[in-house]
Amino acid sequence: MRRPSNRSSGRPESLAAERQRSLPHARRANPNTPRRAGIATGAALLLATGLASWASLACDRTSQAAADPAHEAELKELVEVLSPLGKTVTSDITDKRFLRGRELLAQLGASDRACGQRALEMLKSQPEDGKPRPVDVERALLDVGARAAPEDARPLLETLVTEYGPSLDLRTEATLLLAETAPKRAVEILGPLVAQAHPGKTLPPPEFIVEAFTRACDTIGRSPVPELADVATNLYMDETARIRAVKKLGHRTDPLALKALQAILVESTGDGYLRRMAAQGLRDTLSREDGCEVFKKVAEREADLNFIEFLRDLIEKNCSRG
């Protein structure tokens, strides 16, 4: 019976012996000679070389990332996708670019300060082709700058809100962004402007001043109702501003807000749309009993047949006992 060979024994010492037999130079070398030190030194050198290569690769990657700290490529793509295309471009391409633009806006707006600063630099600089930038591109760059670098953007936002020159679209965007990124400062700037029926200089559209002022007040916990009531009840105010103010008042239970809505409800200006919104605001804020009492009293004295029909429908839907 043959004895099993060391090859099949599976013991570590047998494997070591087999390896020694397979290497001619190993049979000649004494395992206790300084060669082990040489092997260790070689291994150390290989390890050091590997670490150096890894470090070099890491440095290359870091340098590559540092070469574009402001997301230059993404900002350029944002400008490209928001620039107008030819009239022959199909809708699927237009839709794809629009969605990509929204994606980039969200991504870059949530980026770091360097990205925001670069967006502001691009906005202030002259385009390479010498042509005016499309308004959508200007608004996008301002949006990224204000969100990613709000402190850096604040002086520009304030200038755009208060000084004539740039397009009204850009100034409107600046007004809303100032309320979002610097609400306390927005209240200070917009407060004196919001109720001006005849401002002495060209301002952003009044309805957006009302909107921005209200948002800023809500953010810092300051009631906008006094200013909103003034705007809503002032017959000399811009109609779009009055409409926006009435909509804002319709969600508030402040006594002054309710008083302003009731005043508009009985207003005999012929602005049926404004009065309808005031009625809907009262419906949503007053108790059912109080609201129905107000609507019935107004209906009894109303002369406008169309508004009488509106009030009857409102009373039927909200005051009838089911």
Protein backbone atom coordinates (compact mmCIF):
# COMPACT_ATOMS: atom_id res chain seq x y z
CA MET A 1 0.00 0.00 0.00
CA ARG A 2 1.45 3.28 -1.03
CA ARG A 3 1.81 6.01 1.54
CA PRO A 4 0.10 9.26 0.70
CA SER A 5 2.50 11.86 -0.62
CA ASN A 6 3.12 15.16 1.08
CA ARG A 7 1.35 16.83 -1.86
CA SER A 8 -1.99 15.56 -0.63
CA SER A 9 -1.33 15.87 3.08
CA GLY A 10 -2.57 19.46 3.16
CA ARG A 11 -0.16 20.42 5.96
CA PRO A 12 1.54 23.82 5.70
CA GLU A 13 5.01 22.35 6.14
CA SER A 14 4.46 19.99 3.18
CA LEU A 15 3.38 22.86 0.96
CA ALA A 16 6.44 24.83 2.01
CA ALA A 17 8.68 21.87 1.24
CA GLU A 18 7.04 21.39 -2.15
CA ARG A 19 7.58 25.05 -2.96
CA GLN A 20 11.24 24.73 -1.98
CA ARG A 21 11.63 21.81 -4.38
CA SER A 22 10.04 23.73 -7.23
CA LEU A 23 12.45 26.67 -6.97
CA PRO A 24 16.05 25.77 -7.92
CA HIS A 25 17.57 28.82 -6.28
CA ALA A 26 15.63 28.10 -3.11
CA ARG A 27 17.29 24.70 -2.73
CA ARG A 28 20.68 26.36 -2.73
CA ALA A 29 19.84 29.12 -0.30
CA ASN A 30 19.97 28.85 3.45
CA PRO A 31 16.64 30.06 4.83
CA ASN A 32 18.47 31.66 7.75
CA THR A 33 20.78 33.78 5.61
CA PRO A 34 20.42 37.59 5.30
CA ARG A 35 18.41 37.06 2.07
CA ARG A 36 15.27 37.41 4.18
CA ALA A 37 16.33 40.94 4.98
CA GLY A 38 16.78 41.60 1.27
CA ILE A 39 13.33 40.30 0.52
CA ALA A 40 11.87 42.47 3.30
CA THR A 41 13.70 45.48 1.95
CA GLY A 42 12.38 44.79 -1.55
CA ALA A 43 8.88 44.44 -0.25
CA ALA A 44 9.24 47.71 1.60
CA LEU A 45 10.45 49.38 -1.58
CA LEU A 46 7.54 47.98 -3.53
CA LEU A 47 5.15 49.17 -0.87
CA ALA A 48 6.73 52.61 -0.82
CA THR A 49 6.54 52.77 -4.61
CA GLY A 50 2.90 51.76 -4.50
CA LEU A 51 2.12 54.36 -1.88
CA ALA A 52 3.95 56.99 -3.88
CA SER A 53 1.98 56.06 -7.00
CA TRP A 54 -1.27 56.17 -5.05
CA ALA A 55 -0.34 59.53 -3.53
CA SER A 56 0.54 60.85 -6.98
CA LEU A 57 -2.79 59.66 -8.34
CA ALA A 58 -4.62 61.20 -5.40
CA CYS A 59 -2.77 64.48 -5.92
CA ASP A 60 -3.67 64.39 -9.60
CA ARG A 61 -7.32 63.89 -8.73
CA THR A 62 -7.19 66.64 -6.12
CA SER A 63 -5.53 68.98 -8.59
CA GLN A 64 -8.11 68.10 -11.20
CA ALA A 65 -10.92 68.86 -8.75
CA ALA A 66 -9.21 72.05 -7.64
CA ALA A 67 -8.91 73.15 -11.24
CA ASP A 68 -12.68 73.62 -11.35
CA PRO A 69 -13.66 74.68 -7.82
CA ALA A 70 -16.48 76.88 -9.11
CA HIS A 71 -18.25 74.24 -11.25
CA GLU A 72 -17.23 76.05 -14.40
CA ALA A 73 -18.37 73.25 -16.70
CA GLU A 74 -21.81 73.03 -15.13
CA LEU A 75 -22.28 76.82 -15.21
CA LYS A 76 -21.37 76.92 -18.88
CA GLU A 77 -23.81 74.11 -19.56
CA LEU A 78 -26.50 76.05 -17.67
CA VAL A 79 -25.91 79.06 -19.91
CA GLU A 80 -26.07 76.83 -22.98
CA VAL A 81 -29.29 74.99 -22.16
CA LEU A 82 -31.10 78.20 -21.23
CA SER A 83 -30.06 80.03 -24.39
CA PRO A 84 -32.71 80.18 -27.14
CA LEU A 85 -32.65 77.63 -29.92
CA GLY A 86 -33.69 77.97 -33.51
CA LYS A 87 -37.38 77.95 -34.38
CA THR A 88 -36.99 74.63 -36.23
CA VAL A 89 -35.95 72.71 -33.11
CA THR A 90 -38.48 70.07 -32.11
CA SER A 91 -40.36 70.19 -28.82
CA ASP A 92 -38.69 67.07 -27.41
CA ILE A 93 -35.28 68.75 -27.57
CA THR A 94 -36.69 71.93 -26.04
CA ASP A 95 -38.30 69.96 -23.21
CA LYS A 96 -35.10 68.03 -22.57
CA ARG A 97 -33.08 71.24 -22.30
CA PHE A 98 -35.68 72.80 -20.02
CA LEU A 99 -35.58 69.85 -17.63
CA ARG A 100 -31.78 69.83 -17.68
CA GLY A 101 -31.78 73.54 -16.90
CA ARG A 102 -34.00 73.01 -13.85
CA GLU A 103 -31.76 70.17 -12.70
CA LEU A 104 -28.64 72.31 -13.00
CA LEU A 105 -30.29 75.23 -11.22
CA ALA A 106 -31.13 73.06 -8.22
CA GLN A 107 -27.70 71.42 -8.21
CA LEU A 108 -25.67 74.61 -8.53
CA GLY A 109 -27.87 76.62 -6.20
CA ALA A 110 -27.15 74.08 -3.47
CA SER A 111 -23.42 74.15 -4.21
CA ASP A 112 -20.60 75.98 -2.43
CA ARG A 113 -19.72 79.66 -2.21
CA ALA A 114 -17.11 79.46 -4.97
CA CYS A 115 -19.79 78.35 -7.41
CA GLY A 116 -22.04 81.23 -6.40
CA GLN A 117 -19.23 83.74 -6.73
CA ARG A 118 -18.37 82.45 -10.19
CA ALA A 119 -22.01 82.71 -11.27
CA LEU A 120 -22.09 86.35 -10.13
CA GLU A 121 -18.85 87.05 -12.01
CA MET A 122 -20.34 85.59 -15.18
CA LEU A 123 -23.47 87.70 -14.74
CA LYS A 124 -21.48 90.92 -14.36
CA SER A 125 -19.02 90.20 -17.18
CA GLN A 126 -19.52 90.96 -20.85
CA PRO A 127 -20.45 87.87 -22.93
CA GLU A 128 -17.70 86.66 -25.25
CA ASP A 129 -19.83 87.23 -28.36
CA GLY A 130 -20.61 90.79 -27.28
CA LYS A 131 -24.38 90.20 -27.46
CA PRO A 132 -26.75 90.77 -24.54
CA ARG A 133 -27.43 87.66 -22.50
CA PRO A 134 -30.89 86.12 -22.74
CA VAL A 135 -32.99 87.10 -19.74
CA ASP A 136 -33.44 83.45 -18.73
CA VAL A 137 -29.66 83.08 -18.52
CA GLU A 138 -29.33 86.25 -16.44
CA ARG A 139 -32.01 85.10 -14.04
CA ALA A 140 -30.42 81.67 -13.72
CA LEU A 141 -26.97 83.05 -12.95
CA LEU A 142 -28.47 85.44 -10.39
CA ASP A 143 -30.40 82.56 -8.84
CA VAL A 144 -27.29 80.41 -8.47
CA GLY A 145 -25.25 83.32 -7.12
CA ALA A 146 -27.88 84.32 -4.55
CA ARG A 147 -28.45 80.80 -3.26
CA ALA A 148 -24.88 79.51 -3.26
CA ALA A 149 -23.24 82.77 -2.11
CA PRO A 150 -25.97 84.85 -0.44
CA GLU A 151 -23.64 87.26 1.36
CA ASP A 152 -21.77 88.03 -1.84
CA ALA A 153 -24.99 88.46 -3.81
CA ARG A 154 -26.78 90.73 -1.34
CA PRO A 155 -25.36 94.09 -2.56
CA LEU A 156 -26.25 93.22 -6.15
CA LEU A 157 -29.76 92.13 -5.18
CA GLU A 158 -30.36 95.38 -3.30
CA THR A 159 -29.12 97.41 -6.26
CA LEU A 160 -31.34 95.55 -8.69
CA VAL A 161 -34.38 96.10 -6.48
CA THR A 162 -33.90 99.81 -5.96
CA GLU A 163 -32.10 101.14 -9.04
CA TYR A 164 -33.40 101.47 -12.57
CA GLY A 165 -31.42 100.02 -15.48
CA PRO A 166 -31.50 96.23 -15.80
CA SER A 167 -34.52 94.43 -17.20
CA LEU A 168 -37.64 94.21 -15.08
CA ASP A 169 -37.48 90.43 -15.31
CA LEU A 170 -34.08 90.43 -13.64
CA ARG A 171 -35.20 93.00 -11.06
CA THR A 172 -38.26 90.92 -10.25
CA GLU A 173 -36.07 87.86 -9.74
CA ALA A 174 -33.79 89.89 -7.49
CA THR A 175 -36.75 91.05 -5.39
CA LEU A 176 -37.93 87.51 -4.73
CA LEU A 177 -34.39 86.22 -4.11
CA LEU A 178 -33.67 89.01 -1.62
CA ALA A 179 -36.77 88.00 0.35
CA GLU A 180 -35.64 84.38 0.34
CA THR A 181 -31.95 84.77 1.09
CA ALA A 182 -31.97 87.92 3.26
CA PRO A 183 -35.51 88.29 4.63
CA LYS A 184 -34.69 90.79 7.36
CA ARG A 185 -32.95 93.09 4.91
CA ALA A 186 -35.79 92.59 2.41
CA VAL A 187 -38.33 93.85 4.97
CA GLU A 188 -36.19 96.94 5.58
CA ILE A 189 -35.94 97.71 1.86
CA LEU A 190 -39.41 96.68 0.67
CA GLY A 191 -41.37 98.00 3.65
CA PRO A 192 -41.25 101.64 2.52
CA LEU A 193 -42.00 100.60 -1.08
CA VAL A 194 -44.81 98.11 -0.75
CA ALA A 195 -47.68 100.58 -0.19
CA GLN A 196 -46.50 103.35 -2.52
CA ALA A 197 -49.26 104.02 -5.01
CA HIS A 198 -47.15 106.47 -7.00
CA PRO A 199 -43.45 105.71 -6.46
CA GLY A 200 -41.03 108.40 -7.55
CA LYS A 201 -38.90 105.96 -9.53
CA THR A 202 -39.29 102.81 -11.55
CA LEU A 203 -39.48 99.76 -9.32
CA PRO A 204 -40.01 96.05 -9.93
CA PRO A 205 -43.66 95.15 -10.60
CA PRO A 206 -45.71 96.07 -7.48
CA GLU A 207 -47.41 92.68 -7.20
CA PHE A 208 -44.01 91.04 -6.75
CA ILE A 209 -42.96 93.62 -4.20
CA VAL A 210 -46.08 92.63 -2.24
CA GLU A 211 -45.24 88.95 -2.68
CA ALA A 212 -41.61 89.32 -1.65
CA PHE A 213 -42.45 91.54 1.30
CA THR A 214 -45.03 89.05 2.58
CA ARG A 215 -42.63 86.11 2.25
CA ALA A 216 -39.87 87.97 4.05
CA CYS A 217 -42.20 89.00 6.89
CA ASP A 218 -43.45 85.46 7.33
CA THR A 219 -39.89 84.15 7.44
CA ILE A 220 -38.81 86.45 10.25
CA GLY A 221 -42.11 86.25 12.14
CA ARG A 222 -43.26 89.80 11.47
CA SER A 223 -46.90 90.42 10.48
CA PRO A 224 -47.34 91.91 6.98
CA VAL A 225 -51.06 92.56 7.57
CA PRO A 226 -50.86 96.36 8.13
CA GLU A 227 -49.11 96.90 4.80
CA LEU A 228 -51.27 94.33 3.00
CA ALA A 229 -54.45 95.99 4.29
CA ASP A 230 -53.22 99.36 3.04
CA VAL A 231 -52.47 97.96 -0.40
CA ALA A 232 -55.71 95.99 -0.68
CA THR A 233 -57.99 98.89 0.24
CA ASN A 234 -56.17 101.66 -1.62
CA LEU A 235 -58.09 102.46 -4.79
CA TYR A 236 -55.04 104.18 -6.25
CA MET A 237 -52.77 101.19 -5.95
CA ASP A 238 -51.85 99.08 -8.95
CA GLU A 239 -54.59 96.51 -9.54
CA THR A 240 -52.19 93.55 -9.64
CA ALA A 241 -50.77 94.62 -6.28
CA ARG A 242 -54.25 94.87 -4.77
CA ILE A 243 -55.16 91.41 -6.06
CA ARG A 244 -51.99 89.90 -4.61
CA ALA A 245 -52.61 91.63 -1.27
CA VAL A 246 -56.18 90.35 -1.08
CA LYS A 247 -55.01 86.82 -1.78
CA LYS A 248 -52.47 87.10 1.02
CA LEU A 249 -55.02 88.53 3.45
CA GLY A 250 -57.42 85.70 2.66
CA HIS A 251 -55.25 83.23 4.58
CA ARG A 252 -55.01 85.26 7.80
CA THR A 253 -57.32 85.57 10.79
CA ASP A 254 -55.90 88.88 11.98
CA PRO A 255 -58.82 91.26 12.78
CA LEU A 256 -57.31 93.93 10.55
CA ALA A 257 -57.16 91.45 7.64
CA LEU A 258 -60.83 90.54 8.10
CA LYS A 259 -61.79 94.21 8.31
CA ALA A 260 -59.93 94.96 5.06
CA LEU A 261 -61.60 92.06 3.24
CA GLN A 262 -65.06 93.18 4.38
CA ALA A 263 -64.33 96.72 3.19
CA ILE A 264 -63.37 95.39 -0.25
CA LEU A 265 -66.45 93.15 -0.34
CA VAL A 266 -68.78 96.17 -0.21
CA GLU A 267 -66.56 98.33 -2.40
CA SER A 268 -68.45 99.83 -5.32
CA THR A 269 -65.59 100.09 -7.78
CA GLY A 270 -66.89 97.65 -10.32
CA ASP A 271 -63.90 95.33 -9.76
CA GLY A 272 -65.90 92.15 -9.41
CA TYR A 273 -62.82 89.91 -9.45
CA LEU A 274 -61.30 91.66 -6.45
CA ARG A 275 -64.59 91.48 -4.56
CA ARG A 276 -64.97 87.79 -5.33
CA MET A 277 -61.56 87.07 -3.91
CA ALA A 278 -62.38 89.06 -0.79
CA ALA A 279 -65.58 87.01 -0.36
CA GLN A 280 -63.66 83.76 -0.77
CA GLY A 281 -61.06 84.94 1.75
CA LEU A 282 -63.79 85.68 4.29
CA ARG A 283 -65.39 82.31 3.63
CA ASP A 284 -62.08 80.60 4.42
CA THR A 285 -61.29 82.58 7.57
CA LEU A 286 -64.59 83.50 9.26
CA SER A 287 -66.73 81.01 11.08
CA ARG A 288 -69.60 79.63 9.06
CA GLU A 289 -72.18 81.66 10.97
CA ASP A 290 -70.27 84.95 10.77
CA GLY A 291 -69.45 84.48 7.11
CA CYS A 292 -73.02 83.71 6.14
CA GLU A 293 -74.27 86.75 8.02
CA VAL A 294 -71.85 89.00 6.14
CA PHE A 295 -72.73 87.51 2.74
CA LYS A 296 -76.49 87.82 3.29
CA LYS A 297 -76.24 91.46 4.36
CA VAL A 298 -74.12 92.33 1.32
CA ALA A 299 -76.49 90.46 -1.00
CA GLU A 300 -79.47 92.40 0.31
CA ARG A 301 -77.87 95.73 -0.63
CA GLU A 302 -76.00 94.69 -3.77
CA ALA A 303 -76.86 96.38 -7.08
CA ASP A 304 -74.58 94.39 -9.41
CA LEU A 305 -76.68 91.53 -10.78
CA ASN A 306 -73.66 89.37 -11.59
CA PHE A 307 -72.28 89.79 -8.09
CA ILE A 308 -75.70 89.03 -6.59
CA GLU A 309 -75.65 85.74 -8.47
CA PHE A 310 -72.18 85.01 -7.15
CA LEU A 311 -73.26 85.72 -3.56
CA ARG A 312 -76.36 83.55 -3.92
CA ASP A 313 -74.24 80.66 -5.08
CA LEU A 314 -71.80 81.25 -2.22
CA ILE A 315 -74.62 81.31 0.32
CA GLU A 316 -76.27 78.21 -1.13
CA LYS A 317 -73.05 76.17 -1.00
CA ASN A 318 -71.79 77.34 2.38
CA CYS A 319 -74.81 78.44 4.42
CA SER A 320 -77.52 75.91 3.61
CA ARG A 321 -78.04 73.31 6.30
CA GLY A 322 -77.45 69.87 4.86
